[in-house]
Amino acid sequence: MPSFKVAHIHREGQEMIIFPVAAEFGQLPGMDQDRELAFLGSQANRAGLRGVAVVVWETSLGQVTFRAPIACYSCLSGINMEYVMANVNREISW
């Protein structure tokens, strides 16, 4: 049974479910990233979490990047993996 540790947070007026993922996620084509993000969001909603699903990963150069709806961009700019991992507060399984 797959499981995922997530940061379920409220920041700058946005309720977000942040999924920290491996750097390889950034290598996927955009359509595949969107499909995976939609799947993770639906699994989080099924687990009772509400909010917008976001994936965050660290590149090989140590930069943090994300895939999220445009409405979340200002909330996510400037975050780092330390912030994400410090806010991991839920685990979902399916």
PDB file of N, CA and C in Angstrom:
ATOM      1  N   MET A   1       0.850  -1.180   0.000  1.00  0.00           N
ATOM      2  CA  MET A   1       0.000   0.000   0.000  1.00  0.00           C
ATOM      3  C   MET A   1       0.896   1.243   0.000  1.00  0.00           C
ATOM      4  N   PRO A   2       0.826   2.075  -1.044  1.00  0.00           N
ATOM      5  CA  PRO A   2       1.635   3.293  -1.084  1.00  0.00           C
ATOM      6  C   PRO A   2       1.214   4.274   0.014  1.00  0.00           C
ATOM      7  N   SER A   3       2.180   4.992   0.516  1.00  0.00           N
ATOM      8  CA  SER A   3       1.883   6.052   1.487  1.00  0.00           C
ATOM      9  C   SER A   3       2.774   7.244   1.203  1.00  0.00           C
ATOM     10  N   PHE A   4       2.312   8.404   1.644  1.00  0.00           N
ATOM     11  CA  PHE A   4       3.008   9.653   1.377  1.00  0.00           C
ATOM     12  C   PHE A   4       2.912  10.547   2.596  1.00  0.00           C
ATOM     13  N   LYS A   5       4.030  11.100   3.003  1.00  0.00           N
ATOM     14  CA  LYS A   5       4.028  12.111   4.060  1.00  0.00           C
ATOM     15  C   LYS A   5       3.867  13.466   3.391  1.00  0.00           C
ATOM     16  N   VAL A   6       2.941  14.271   3.914  1.00  0.00           N
ATOM     17  CA  VAL A   6       2.625  15.560   3.307  1.00  0.00           C
ATOM     18  C   VAL A   6       2.611  16.656   4.362  1.00  0.00           C
ATOM     19  N   ALA A   7       2.777  17.871   3.883  1.00  0.00           N
ATOM     20  CA  ALA A   7       2.625  19.058   4.730  1.00  0.00           C
ATOM     21  C   ALA A   7       1.278  19.680   4.387  1.00  0.00           C
ATOM     22  N   HIS A   8       0.337  19.576   5.302  1.00  0.00           N
ATOM     23  CA  HIS A   8      -0.996  20.156   5.096  1.00  0.00           C
ATOM     24  C   HIS A   8      -0.986  21.495   5.818  1.00  0.00           C
ATOM     25  N   ILE A   9      -0.885  22.588   5.056  1.00  0.00           N
ATOM     26  CA  ILE A   9      -0.682  23.905   5.671  1.00  0.00           C
ATOM     27  C   ILE A   9      -1.653  24.945   5.124  1.00  0.00           C
ATOM     28  N   HIS A  10      -1.765  26.003   5.877  1.00  0.00           N
ATOM     29  CA  HIS A  10      -2.510  27.195   5.463  1.00  0.00           C
ATOM     30  C   HIS A  10      -1.484  28.325   5.441  1.00  0.00           C
ATOM     31  N   ARG A  11      -1.261  28.907   4.277  1.00  0.00           N
ATOM     32  CA  ARG A  11      -0.245  29.957   4.137  1.00  0.00           C
ATOM     33  C   ARG A  11      -0.767  31.018   3.179  1.00  0.00           C
ATOM     34  N   GLU A  12      -0.717  32.253   3.619  1.00  0.00           N
ATOM     35  CA  GLU A  12      -1.140  33.396   2.802  1.00  0.00           C
ATOM     36  C   GLU A  12      -2.516  33.178   2.173  1.00  0.00           C
ATOM     37  N   GLY A  13      -3.424  32.664   2.962  1.00  0.00           N
ATOM     38  CA  GLY A  13      -4.792  32.480   2.505  1.00  0.00           C
ATOM     39  C   GLY A  13      -5.042  31.240   1.664  1.00  0.00           C
ATOM     40  N   GLN A  14      -4.030  30.420   1.463  1.00  0.00           N
ATOM     41  CA  GLN A  14      -4.174  29.202   0.656  1.00  0.00           C
ATOM     42  C   GLN A  14      -4.065  27.963   1.544  1.00  0.00           C
ATOM     43  N   GLU A  15      -5.007  27.065   1.392  1.00  0.00           N
ATOM     44  CA  GLU A  15      -4.941  25.752   2.032  1.00  0.00           C
ATOM     45  C   GLU A  15      -4.241  24.832   1.037  1.00  0.00           C
ATOM     46  N   MET A  16      -3.086  24.276   1.442  1.00  0.00           N
ATOM     47  CA  MET A  16      -2.296  23.471   0.511  1.00  0.00           C
ATOM     48  C   MET A  16      -1.911  22.136   1.123  1.00  0.00           C
ATOM     49  N   ILE A  17      -1.844  21.141   0.269  1.00  0.00           N
ATOM     50  CA  ILE A  17      -1.346  19.816   0.618  1.00  0.00           C
ATOM     51  C   ILE A  17      -0.060  19.661  -0.179  1.00  0.00           C
ATOM     52  N   ILE A  18       1.064  19.786   0.511  1.00  0.00           N
ATOM     53  CA  ILE A  18       2.364  19.793  -0.173  1.00  0.00           C
ATOM     54  C   ILE A  18       2.974  18.401  -0.140  1.00  0.00           C
ATOM     55  N   PHE A  19       3.247  17.878  -1.319  1.00  0.00           N
ATOM     56  CA  PHE A  19       3.868  16.567  -1.484  1.00  0.00           C
ATOM     57  C   PHE A  19       5.341  16.758  -1.837  1.00  0.00           C
ATOM     58  N   PRO A  20       6.265  16.467  -0.925  1.00  0.00           N
ATOM     59  CA  PRO A  20       7.677  16.491  -1.310  1.00  0.00           C
ATOM     60  C   PRO A  20       7.979  15.251  -2.159  1.00  0.00           C
ATOM     61  N   VAL A  21       8.535  15.459  -3.334  1.00  0.00           N
ATOM     62  CA  VAL A  21       8.808  14.351  -4.255  1.00  0.00           C
ATOM     63  C   VAL A  21      10.292  14.342  -4.616  1.00  0.00           C
ATOM     64  N   ALA A  22      10.712  13.249  -5.232  1.00  0.00           N
ATOM     65  CA  ALA A  22      12.107  13.100  -5.652  1.00  0.00           C
ATOM     66  C   ALA A  22      12.415  14.029  -6.820  1.00  0.00           C
ATOM     67  N   ALA A  23      13.684  14.343  -6.968  1.00  0.00           N
ATOM     68  CA  ALA A  23      14.141  15.242  -8.032  1.00  0.00           C
ATOM     69  C   ALA A  23      13.749  14.740  -9.416  1.00  0.00           C
ATOM     70  N   GLU A  24      13.617  13.436  -9.578  1.00  0.00           N
ATOM     71  CA  GLU A  24      13.260  12.858 -10.872  1.00  0.00           C
ATOM     72  C   GLU A  24      11.897  13.327 -11.374  1.00  0.00           C
ATOM     73  N   PHE A  25      11.052  13.784 -10.451  1.00  0.00           N
ATOM     74  CA  PHE A  25       9.746  14.300 -10.849  1.00  0.00           C
ATOM     75  C   PHE A  25       9.916  15.436 -11.860  1.00  0.00           C
ATOM     76  N   GLY A  26      10.938  16.251 -11.665  1.00  0.00           N
ATOM     77  CA  GLY A  26      11.194  17.372 -12.561  1.00  0.00           C
ATOM     78  C   GLY A  26      11.586  16.960 -13.962  1.00  0.00           C
ATOM     79  N   GLN A  27      11.979  15.717 -14.144  1.00  0.00           N
ATOM     80  CA  GLN A  27      12.370  15.205 -15.465  1.00  0.00           C
ATOM     81  C   GLN A  27      11.172  14.747 -16.293  1.00  0.00           C
ATOM     82  N   LEU A  28      10.017  14.596 -15.633  1.00  0.00           N
ATOM     83  CA  LEU A  28       8.817  14.137 -16.345  1.00  0.00           C
ATOM     84  C   LEU A  28       8.277  15.236 -17.253  1.00  0.00           C
ATOM     85  N   PRO A  29       7.656  14.851 -18.363  1.00  0.00           N
ATOM     86  CA  PRO A  29       6.985  15.853 -19.200  1.00  0.00           C
ATOM     87  C   PRO A  29       5.872  16.538 -18.399  1.00  0.00           C
ATOM     88  N   GLY A  30       5.572  17.768 -18.754  1.00  0.00           N
ATOM     89  CA  GLY A  30       4.571  18.554 -18.040  1.00  0.00           C
ATOM     90  C   GLY A  30       3.227  17.867 -17.901  1.00  0.00           C
ATOM     91  N   MET A  31       2.779  17.185 -18.951  1.00  0.00           N
ATOM     92  CA  MET A  31       1.490  16.487 -18.889  1.00  0.00           C
ATOM     93  C   MET A  31       1.517  15.374 -17.852  1.00  0.00           C
ATOM     94  N   ASP A  32       2.639  14.668 -17.759  1.00  0.00           N
ATOM     95  CA  ASP A  32       2.767  13.601 -16.760  1.00  0.00           C
ATOM     96  C   ASP A  32       2.812  14.192 -15.353  1.00  0.00           C
ATOM     97  N   GLN A  33       3.498  15.325 -15.196  1.00  0.00           N
ATOM     98  CA  GLN A  33       3.512  15.998 -13.894  1.00  0.00           C
ATOM     99  C   GLN A  33       2.102  16.397 -13.487  1.00  0.00           C
ATOM    100  N   ASP A  34       1.359  16.963 -14.418  1.00  0.00           N
ATOM    101  CA  ASP A  34      -0.020  17.370 -14.126  1.00  0.00           C
ATOM    102  C   ASP A  34      -0.890  16.176 -13.760  1.00  0.00           C
ATOM    103  N   ARG A  35      -0.729  15.091 -14.466  1.00  0.00           N
ATOM    104  CA  ARG A  35      -1.507  13.880 -14.193  1.00  0.00           C
ATOM    105  C   ARG A  35      -1.192  13.341 -12.799  1.00  0.00           C
ATOM    106  N   GLU A  36       0.089  13.293 -12.460  1.00  0.00           N
ATOM    107  CA  GLU A  36       0.503  12.805 -11.139  1.00  0.00           C
ATOM    108  C   GLU A  36       0.005  13.730 -10.030  1.00  0.00           C
ATOM    109  N   LEU A  37       0.092  15.027 -10.271  1.00  0.00           N
ATOM    110  CA  LEU A  37      -0.392  15.999  -9.289  1.00  0.00           C
ATOM    111  C   LEU A  37      -1.896  15.827  -9.057  1.00  0.00           C
ATOM    112  N   ALA A  38      -2.656  15.641 -10.116  1.00  0.00           N
ATOM    113  CA  ALA A  38      -4.101  15.434  -9.980  1.00  0.00           C
ATOM    114  C   ALA A  38      -4.388  14.155  -9.202  1.00  0.00           C
ATOM    115  N   PHE A  39      -3.641  13.096  -9.477  1.00  0.00           N
ATOM    116  CA  PHE A  39      -3.824  11.836  -8.766  1.00  0.00           C
ATOM    117  C   PHE A  39      -3.530  12.008  -7.275  1.00  0.00           C
ATOM    118  N   LEU A  40      -2.398  12.639  -6.953  1.00  0.00           N
ATOM    119  CA  LEU A  40      -2.041  12.842  -5.545  1.00  0.00           C
ATOM    120  C   LEU A  40      -3.090  13.692  -4.834  1.00  0.00           C
ATOM    121  N   GLY A  41      -3.571  14.720  -5.519  1.00  0.00           N
ATOM    122  CA  GLY A  41      -4.608  15.566  -4.927  1.00  0.00           C
ATOM    123  C   GLY A  41      -5.875  14.793  -4.640  1.00  0.00           C
ATOM    124  N   SER A  42      -6.271  13.921  -5.570  1.00  0.00           N
ATOM    125  CA  SER A  42      -7.490  13.138  -5.346  1.00  0.00           C
ATOM    126  C   SER A  42      -7.297  12.149  -4.198  1.00  0.00           C
ATOM    127  N   GLN A  43      -6.115  11.571  -4.076  1.00  0.00           N
ATOM    128  CA  GLN A  43      -5.848  10.656  -2.959  1.00  0.00           C
ATOM    129  C   GLN A  43      -5.870  11.404  -1.624  1.00  0.00           C
ATOM    130  N   ALA A  44      -5.331  12.605  -1.605  1.00  0.00           N
ATOM    131  CA  ALA A  44      -5.352  13.409  -0.371  1.00  0.00           C
ATOM    132  C   ALA A  44      -6.787  13.772  -0.003  1.00  0.00           C
ATOM    133  N   ASN A  45      -7.584  14.137  -0.987  1.00  0.00           N
ATOM    134  CA  ASN A  45      -8.991  14.457  -0.720  1.00  0.00           C
ATOM    135  C   ASN A  45      -9.744  13.238  -0.204  1.00  0.00           C
ATOM    136  N   ARG A  46      -9.483  12.080  -0.772  1.00  0.00           N
ATOM    137  CA  ARG A  46     -10.106  10.836  -0.295  1.00  0.00           C
ATOM    138  C   ARG A  46      -9.705  10.534   1.143  1.00  0.00           C
ATOM    139  N   ALA A  47      -8.509  10.948   1.519  1.00  0.00           N
ATOM    140  CA  ALA A  47      -8.033  10.731   2.890  1.00  0.00           C
ATOM    141  C   ALA A  47      -8.581  11.785   3.854  1.00  0.00           C
ATOM    142  N   GLY A  48      -9.390  12.711   3.337  1.00  0.00           N
ATOM    143  CA  GLY A  48     -10.020  13.703   4.202  1.00  0.00           C
ATOM    144  C   GLY A  48      -9.310  15.040   4.266  1.00  0.00           C
ATOM    145  N   LEU A  49      -8.234  15.213   3.514  1.00  0.00           N
ATOM    146  CA  LEU A  49      -7.525  16.495   3.514  1.00  0.00           C
ATOM    147  C   LEU A  49      -8.165  17.415   2.481  1.00  0.00           C
ATOM    148  N   ARG A  50      -8.305  18.656   2.828  1.00  0.00           N
ATOM    149  CA  ARG A  50      -8.862  19.648   1.912  1.00  0.00           C
ATOM    150  C   ARG A  50      -7.794  20.660   1.559  1.00  0.00           C
ATOM    151  N   GLY A  51      -7.832  21.114   0.329  1.00  0.00           N
ATOM    152  CA  GLY A  51      -6.876  22.111  -0.124  1.00  0.00           C
ATOM    153  C   GLY A  51      -6.355  21.768  -1.497  1.00  0.00           C
ATOM    154  N   VAL A  52      -5.453  22.586  -1.956  1.00  0.00           N
ATOM    155  CA  VAL A  52      -4.855  22.446  -3.278  1.00  0.00           C
ATOM    156  C   VAL A  52      -3.608  21.573  -3.161  1.00  0.00           C
ATOM    157  N   ALA A  53      -3.502  20.579  -4.023  1.00  0.00           N
ATOM    158  CA  ALA A  53      -2.316  19.720  -4.034  1.00  0.00           C
ATOM    159  C   ALA A  53      -1.172  20.428  -4.747  1.00  0.00           C
ATOM    160  N   VAL A  54       0.013  20.286  -4.175  1.00  0.00           N
ATOM    161  CA  VAL A  54       1.234  20.898  -4.699  1.00  0.00           C
ATOM    162  C   VAL A  54       2.347  19.864  -4.586  1.00  0.00           C
ATOM    163  N   VAL A  55       3.196  19.759  -5.597  1.00  0.00           N
ATOM    164  CA  VAL A  55       4.401  18.933  -5.470  1.00  0.00           C
ATOM    165  C   VAL A  55       5.607  19.855  -5.434  1.00  0.00           C
ATOM    166  N   VAL A  56       6.558  19.495  -4.589  1.00  0.00           N
ATOM    167  CA  VAL A  56       7.772  20.294  -4.403  1.00  0.00           C
ATOM    168  C   VAL A  56       8.957  19.341  -4.459  1.00  0.00           C
ATOM    169  N   TRP A  57      10.001  19.747  -5.171  1.00  0.00           N
ATOM    170  CA  TRP A  57      11.209  18.928  -5.226  1.00  0.00           C
ATOM    171  C   TRP A  57      12.435  19.815  -5.300  1.00  0.00           C
ATOM    172  N   GLU A  58      13.554  19.203  -4.969  1.00  0.00           N
ATOM    173  CA  GLU A  58      14.833  19.907  -5.014  1.00  0.00           C
ATOM    174  C   GLU A  58      15.603  19.411  -6.228  1.00  0.00           C
ATOM    175  N   THR A  59      16.114  20.339  -7.014  1.00  0.00           N
ATOM    176  CA  THR A  59      16.876  19.972  -8.205  1.00  0.00           C
ATOM    177  C   THR A  59      18.273  19.504  -7.810  1.00  0.00           C
ATOM    178  N   SER A  60      18.989  18.967  -8.773  1.00  0.00           N
ATOM    179  CA  SER A  60      20.361  18.519  -8.504  1.00  0.00           C
ATOM    180  C   SER A  60      21.267  19.680  -8.118  1.00  0.00           C
ATOM    181  N   LEU A  61      20.856  20.909  -8.430  1.00  0.00           N
ATOM    182  CA  LEU A  61      21.628  22.100  -8.060  1.00  0.00           C
ATOM    183  C   LEU A  61      21.207  22.657  -6.705  1.00  0.00           C
ATOM    184  N   GLY A  62      20.279  21.964  -6.041  1.00  0.00           N
ATOM    185  CA  GLY A  62      19.840  22.394  -4.721  1.00  0.00           C
ATOM    186  C   GLY A  62      18.740  23.446  -4.734  1.00  0.00           C
ATOM    187  N   GLN A  63      18.193  23.739  -5.897  1.00  0.00           N
ATOM    188  CA  GLN A  63      17.097  24.703  -5.984  1.00  0.00           C
ATOM    189  C   GLN A  63      15.773  23.984  -5.767  1.00  0.00           C
ATOM    190  N   VAL A  64      14.867  24.655  -5.094  1.00  0.00           N
ATOM    191  CA  VAL A  64      13.542  24.086  -4.868  1.00  0.00           C
ATOM    192  C   VAL A  64      12.601  24.602  -5.944  1.00  0.00           C
ATOM    193  N   THR A  65      11.873  23.690  -6.545  1.00  0.00           N
ATOM    194  CA  THR A  65      10.880  24.059  -7.540  1.00  0.00           C
ATOM    195  C   THR A  65       9.581  23.323  -7.227  1.00  0.00           C
ATOM    196  N   PHE A  66       8.526  23.725  -7.880  1.00  0.00           N
ATOM    197  CA  PHE A  66       7.218  23.152  -7.553  1.00  0.00           C
ATOM    198  C   PHE A  66       6.315  23.120  -8.770  1.00  0.00           C
ATOM    199  N   ARG A  67       5.269  22.323  -8.647  1.00  0.00           N
ATOM    200  CA  ARG A  67       4.187  22.277  -9.632  1.00  0.00           C
ATOM    201  C   ARG A  67       2.918  22.529  -8.843  1.00  0.00           C
ATOM    202  N   ALA A  68       2.209  23.582  -9.203  1.00  0.00           N
ATOM    203  CA  ALA A  68       1.036  24.000  -8.446  1.00  0.00           C
ATOM    204  C   ALA A  68       0.163  24.900  -9.301  1.00  0.00           C
ATOM    205  N   PRO A  69      -1.097  25.074  -8.897  1.00  0.00           N
ATOM    206  CA  PRO A  69      -1.925  26.063  -9.581  1.00  0.00           C
ATOM    207  C   PRO A  69      -1.318  27.461  -9.420  1.00  0.00           C
ATOM    208  N   ILE A  70      -1.541  28.310 -10.400  1.00  0.00           N
ATOM    209  CA  ILE A  70      -0.971  29.661 -10.387  1.00  0.00           C
ATOM    210  C   ILE A  70      -1.323  30.422  -9.110  1.00  0.00           C
ATOM    211  N   ALA A  71      -2.505  30.187  -8.570  1.00  0.00           N
ATOM    212  CA  ALA A  71      -2.938  30.894  -7.357  1.00  0.00           C
ATOM    213  C   ALA A  71      -2.001  30.645  -6.173  1.00  0.00           C
ATOM    214  N   CYS A  72      -1.220  29.571  -6.210  1.00  0.00           N
ATOM    215  CA  CYS A  72      -0.318  29.228  -5.098  1.00  0.00           C
ATOM    216  C   CYS A  72       1.099  29.746  -5.293  1.00  0.00           C
ATOM    217  N   TYR A  73       1.424  30.292  -6.451  1.00  0.00           N
ATOM    218  CA  TYR A  73       2.800  30.679  -6.740  1.00  0.00           C
ATOM    219  C   TYR A  73       3.380  31.640  -5.712  1.00  0.00           C
ATOM    220  N   SER A  74       2.648  32.681  -5.349  1.00  0.00           N
ATOM    221  CA  SER A  74       3.196  33.652  -4.402  1.00  0.00           C
ATOM    222  C   SER A  74       3.411  33.027  -3.032  1.00  0.00           C
ATOM    223  N   CYS A  75       2.571  32.060  -2.663  1.00  0.00           N
ATOM    224  CA  CYS A  75       2.718  31.373  -1.376  1.00  0.00           C
ATOM    225  C   CYS A  75       3.953  30.489  -1.352  1.00  0.00           C
ATOM    226  N   LEU A  76       4.339  29.979  -2.508  1.00  0.00           N
ATOM    227  CA  LEU A  76       5.421  29.005  -2.577  1.00  0.00           C
ATOM    228  C   LEU A  76       6.768  29.607  -2.940  1.00  0.00           C
ATOM    229  N   SER A  77       6.765  30.808  -3.478  1.00  0.00           N
ATOM    230  CA  SER A  77       8.053  31.399  -3.854  1.00  0.00           C
ATOM    231  C   SER A  77       8.886  31.624  -2.600  1.00  0.00           C
ATOM    232  N   GLY A  78      10.103  31.201  -2.674  1.00  0.00           N
ATOM    233  CA  GLY A  78      11.017  31.396  -1.554  1.00  0.00           C
ATOM    234  C   GLY A  78      11.000  30.296  -0.507  1.00  0.00           C
ATOM    235  N   ILE A  79      10.157  29.267  -0.661  1.00  0.00           N
ATOM    236  CA  ILE A  79      10.202  28.191   0.323  1.00  0.00           C
ATOM    237  C   ILE A  79      11.384  27.291   0.021  1.00  0.00           C
ATOM    238  N   ASN A  80      11.803  26.542   1.021  1.00  0.00           N
ATOM    239  CA  ASN A  80      12.879  25.580   0.835  1.00  0.00           C
ATOM    240  C   ASN A  80      12.441  24.229   1.383  1.00  0.00           C
ATOM    241  N   MET A  81      13.220  23.212   1.129  1.00  0.00           N
ATOM    242  CA  MET A  81      12.848  21.865   1.573  1.00  0.00           C
ATOM    243  C   MET A  81      12.845  21.757   3.092  1.00  0.00           C
ATOM    244  N   GLU A  82      13.680  22.529   3.761  1.00  0.00           N
ATOM    245  CA  GLU A  82      13.673  22.505   5.224  1.00  0.00           C
ATOM    246  C   GLU A  82      12.311  22.955   5.746  1.00  0.00           C
ATOM    247  N   TYR A  83      11.748  23.992   5.130  1.00  0.00           N
ATOM    248  CA  TYR A  83      10.420  24.471   5.514  1.00  0.00           C
ATOM    249  C   TYR A  83       9.377  23.385   5.270  1.00  0.00           C
ATOM    250  N   VAL A  84       9.428  22.777   4.089  1.00  0.00           N
ATOM    251  CA  VAL A  84       8.457  21.739   3.748  1.00  0.00           C
ATOM    252  C   VAL A  84       8.549  20.585   4.739  1.00  0.00           C
ATOM    253  N   MET A  85       9.751  20.078   4.954  1.00  0.00           N
ATOM    254  CA  MET A  85       9.913  18.913   5.824  1.00  0.00           C
ATOM    255  C   MET A  85       9.564  19.234   7.282  1.00  0.00           C
ATOM    256  N   ALA A  86       9.823  20.455   7.701  1.00  0.00           N
ATOM    257  CA  ALA A  86       9.467  20.855   9.072  1.00  0.00           C
ATOM    258  C   ALA A  86       7.956  20.928   9.258  1.00  0.00           C
ATOM    259  N   ASN A  87       7.216  21.064   8.155  1.00  0.00           N
ATOM    260  CA  ASN A  87       5.760  21.173   8.224  1.00  0.00           C
ATOM    261  C   ASN A  87       5.034  19.893   7.840  1.00  0.00           C
ATOM    262  N   VAL A  88       5.764  18.812   7.611  1.00  0.00           N
ATOM    263  CA  VAL A  88       5.110  17.534   7.335  1.00  0.00           C
ATOM    264  C   VAL A  88       4.326  17.141   8.587  1.00  0.00           C
ATOM    265  N   ASN A  89       3.017  16.990   8.412  1.00  0.00           N
ATOM    266  CA  ASN A  89       2.167  16.736   9.578  1.00  0.00           C
ATOM    267  C   ASN A  89       1.075  15.689   9.327  1.00  0.00           C
ATOM    268  N   ARG A  90       1.104  15.071   8.166  1.00  0.00           N
ATOM    269  CA  ARG A  90       0.107  14.057   7.834  1.00  0.00           C
ATOM    270  C   ARG A  90       0.769  12.954   7.002  1.00  0.00           C
ATOM    271  N   GLU A  91       0.153  11.783   7.035  1.00  0.00           N
ATOM    272  CA  GLU A  91       0.564  10.706   6.144  1.00  0.00           C
ATOM    273  C   GLU A  91      -0.709  10.117   5.556  1.00  0.00           C
ATOM    274  N   ILE A  92      -0.716   9.969   4.248  1.00  0.00           N
ATOM    275  CA  ILE A  92      -1.876   9.366   3.587  1.00  0.00           C
ATOM    276  C   ILE A  92      -1.450   8.065   2.926  1.00  0.00           C
ATOM    277  N   SER A  93      -2.381   7.149   2.843  1.00  0.00           N
ATOM    278  CA  SER A  93      -2.127   5.844   2.222  1.00  0.00           C
ATOM    279  C   SER A  93      -3.266   5.490   1.303  1.00  0.00           C
ATOM    280  N   TRP A  94      -2.988   4.690   0.314  1.00  0.00           N
ATOM    281  CA  TRP A  94      -4.035   4.196  -0.580  1.00  0.00           C
ATOM    282  C   TRP A  94      -3.667   2.845  -1.129  1.00  0.00           C
TER     283      TRP A  94
END
